[in-house]
Amino acid sequence: MVSKEDFKDAYQLLDWEEAGVIEEYVKQKEKRIKELEELCSEAMGEQPKEWRDRFRKLLKK
């Protein structure tokens, strides 16, 4: 059965979608994934310790 809370959650998602919040969140996540992919491809030529240090630094952002 659908509760009153379920409707509140659904309306909140619709509000966020209309405000562009969800789209902006997705764009930020896609940008973050691209940064991590670039870091990993650059790291292939580096020593393991350097790779770990750079990856940890990026993850802390």
N, C-alpha and C. Protein backbone atom coordinates (compact mmCIF):
# COMPACT_ATOMS: atom_id res chain seq x y z
N MET A 1 0.84 -1.18 0.00
CA MET A 1 0.00 0.00 0.00
C MET A 1 0.89 1.25 0.00
N VAL A 2 0.45 2.25 -0.68
CA VAL A 2 1.19 3.51 -0.78
C VAL A 2 0.84 4.39 0.40
N SER A 3 1.86 4.92 1.03
CA SER A 3 1.63 5.78 2.20
C SER A 3 1.71 7.25 1.81
N LYS A 4 1.31 8.08 2.74
CA LYS A 4 1.38 9.52 2.56
C LYS A 4 2.84 9.96 2.37
N GLU A 5 3.76 9.29 3.08
CA GLU A 5 5.19 9.60 2.97
C GLU A 5 5.70 9.33 1.56
N ASP A 6 5.21 8.26 0.94
CA ASP A 6 5.62 7.94 -0.43
C ASP A 6 5.26 9.08 -1.38
N PHE A 7 4.09 9.65 -1.19
CA PHE A 7 3.68 10.77 -2.04
C PHE A 7 4.56 11.99 -1.80
N LYS A 8 4.91 12.24 -0.54
CA LYS A 8 5.80 13.37 -0.24
C LYS A 8 7.14 13.19 -0.93
N ASP A 9 7.68 11.97 -0.87
CA ASP A 9 8.96 11.69 -1.52
C ASP A 9 8.86 11.88 -3.03
N ALA A 10 7.77 11.41 -3.62
CA ALA A 10 7.59 11.54 -5.06
C ALA A 10 7.48 13.01 -5.46
N TYR A 11 6.73 13.78 -4.70
CA TYR A 11 6.61 15.21 -5.01
C TYR A 11 7.94 15.93 -4.83
N GLN A 12 8.72 15.52 -3.84
CA GLN A 12 10.04 16.13 -3.64
C GLN A 12 10.92 15.86 -4.85
N LEU A 13 10.91 14.62 -5.36
CA LEU A 13 11.70 14.29 -6.55
C LEU A 13 11.25 15.11 -7.76
N LEU A 14 9.95 15.29 -7.91
CA LEU A 14 9.45 16.10 -9.02
C LEU A 14 9.91 17.55 -8.89
N ASP A 15 9.87 18.08 -7.68
CA ASP A 15 10.34 19.45 -7.44
C ASP A 15 11.81 19.58 -7.79
N TRP A 16 12.61 18.60 -7.36
CA TRP A 16 14.04 18.63 -7.66
C TRP A 16 14.29 18.54 -9.15
N GLU A 17 13.52 17.69 -9.81
CA GLU A 17 13.69 17.54 -11.26
C GLU A 17 13.36 18.85 -11.97
N GLU A 18 12.28 19.48 -11.59
CA GLU A 18 11.89 20.75 -12.20
C GLU A 18 12.92 21.83 -11.94
N ALA A 19 13.54 21.80 -10.79
CA ALA A 19 14.54 22.81 -10.43
C ALA A 19 15.90 22.51 -11.06
N GLY A 20 16.02 21.36 -11.70
CA GLY A 20 17.28 20.99 -12.34
C GLY A 20 18.31 20.40 -11.39
N VAL A 21 17.89 20.10 -10.17
CA VAL A 21 18.82 19.58 -9.16
C VAL A 21 19.34 18.21 -9.56
N ILE A 22 18.45 17.35 -10.02
CA ILE A 22 18.85 15.99 -10.38
C ILE A 22 19.80 16.02 -11.57
N GLU A 23 19.49 16.82 -12.57
CA GLU A 23 20.35 16.92 -13.75
C GLU A 23 21.74 17.44 -13.37
N GLU A 24 21.79 18.43 -12.50
CA GLU A 24 23.08 18.98 -12.05
C GLU A 24 23.87 17.93 -11.28
N TYR A 25 23.20 17.17 -10.44
CA TYR A 25 23.85 16.10 -9.68
C TYR A 25 24.47 15.06 -10.63
N VAL A 26 23.72 14.68 -11.64
CA VAL A 26 24.21 13.70 -12.62
C VAL A 26 25.42 14.26 -13.36
N LYS A 27 25.38 15.54 -13.74
CA LYS A 27 26.51 16.16 -14.43
C LYS A 27 27.75 16.15 -13.54
N GLN A 28 27.59 16.46 -12.26
CA GLN A 28 28.72 16.45 -11.33
C GLN A 28 29.31 15.05 -11.20
N LYS A 29 28.45 14.04 -11.12
CA LYS A 29 28.94 12.67 -11.00
C LYS A 29 29.65 12.23 -12.28
N GLU A 30 29.12 12.61 -13.44
CA GLU A 30 29.78 12.26 -14.70
C GLU A 30 31.14 12.93 -14.79
N LYS A 31 31.23 14.18 -14.34
CA LYS A 31 32.52 14.89 -14.34
C LYS A 31 33.50 14.19 -13.42
N ARG A 32 33.04 13.78 -12.26
CA ARG A 32 33.89 13.08 -11.28
C ARG A 32 34.39 11.76 -11.85
N ILE A 33 33.52 11.02 -12.52
CA ILE A 33 33.92 9.75 -13.14
C ILE A 33 34.98 9.99 -14.20
N LYS A 34 34.79 11.03 -15.00
CA LYS A 34 35.78 11.34 -16.03
C LYS A 34 37.14 11.68 -15.40
N GLU A 35 37.13 12.45 -14.32
CA GLU A 35 38.38 12.79 -13.62
C GLU A 35 39.08 11.52 -13.14
N LEU A 36 38.31 10.61 -12.57
CA LEU A 36 38.90 9.36 -12.07
C LEU A 36 39.44 8.50 -13.21
N GLU A 37 38.71 8.46 -14.33
CA GLU A 37 39.19 7.70 -15.49
C GLU A 37 40.49 8.28 -16.01
N GLU A 38 40.58 9.61 -16.09
CA GLU A 38 41.81 10.26 -16.55
C GLU A 38 42.96 9.97 -15.60
N LEU A 39 42.69 10.04 -14.32
CA LEU A 39 43.72 9.76 -13.34
C LEU A 39 44.23 8.32 -13.48
N CYS A 40 43.32 7.39 -13.64
CA CYS A 40 43.71 5.99 -13.78
C CYS A 40 44.53 5.77 -15.04
N SER A 41 44.15 6.40 -16.14
CA SER A 41 44.90 6.21 -17.37
C SER A 41 46.29 6.84 -17.26
N GLU A 42 46.40 7.98 -16.59
CA GLU A 42 47.70 8.61 -16.36
C GLU A 42 48.56 7.76 -15.43
N ALA A 43 47.92 7.14 -14.47
CA ALA A 43 48.64 6.40 -13.44
C ALA A 43 49.25 5.10 -13.97
N MET A 44 48.79 4.63 -15.10
CA MET A 44 49.30 3.36 -15.62
C MET A 44 50.81 3.40 -15.81
N GLY A 45 51.36 4.56 -16.14
CA GLY A 45 52.79 4.66 -16.36
C GLY A 45 53.58 5.02 -15.11
N GLU A 46 52.91 5.23 -14.00
CA GLU A 46 53.58 5.64 -12.77
C GLU A 46 53.87 4.45 -11.87
N GLN A 47 54.72 4.70 -10.91
CA GLN A 47 55.02 3.67 -9.91
C GLN A 47 53.80 3.49 -9.00
N PRO A 48 53.61 2.29 -8.44
CA PRO A 48 52.43 2.02 -7.60
C PRO A 48 52.23 3.02 -6.45
N LYS A 49 53.29 3.41 -5.76
CA LYS A 49 53.14 4.33 -4.63
C LYS A 49 52.63 5.69 -5.12
N GLU A 50 53.19 6.19 -6.21
CA GLU A 50 52.73 7.47 -6.76
C GLU A 50 51.26 7.38 -7.16
N TRP A 51 50.89 6.28 -7.75
CA TRP A 51 49.50 6.09 -8.18
C TRP A 51 48.57 6.12 -6.98
N ARG A 52 48.92 5.38 -5.94
CA ARG A 52 48.07 5.35 -4.73
C ARG A 52 47.93 6.74 -4.12
N ASP A 53 49.03 7.47 -4.03
CA ASP A 53 48.99 8.81 -3.44
C ASP A 53 48.09 9.75 -4.24
N ARG A 54 48.22 9.72 -5.55
CA ARG A 54 47.40 10.60 -6.40
C ARG A 54 45.93 10.21 -6.32
N PHE A 55 45.65 8.93 -6.31
CA PHE A 55 44.27 8.47 -6.26
C PHE A 55 43.63 8.85 -4.93
N ARG A 56 44.34 8.68 -3.84
CA ARG A 56 43.81 9.07 -2.52
C ARG A 56 43.54 10.57 -2.46
N LYS A 57 44.44 11.35 -3.03
CA LYS A 57 44.27 12.81 -3.04
C LYS A 57 42.99 13.19 -3.79
N LEU A 58 42.75 12.55 -4.92
CA LEU A 58 41.56 12.86 -5.71
C LEU A 58 40.30 12.42 -4.98
N LEU A 59 40.34 11.30 -4.32
CA LEU A 59 39.16 10.81 -3.61
C LEU A 59 38.78 11.69 -2.42
N LYS A 60 39.74 12.42 -1.87
CA LYS A 60 39.46 13.29 -0.73
C LYS A 60 38.70 14.54 -1.14
N LYS A 61 38.65 14.86 -2.43
CA LYS A 61 37.95 16.08 -2.89
C LYS A 61 36.48 16.01 -2.57
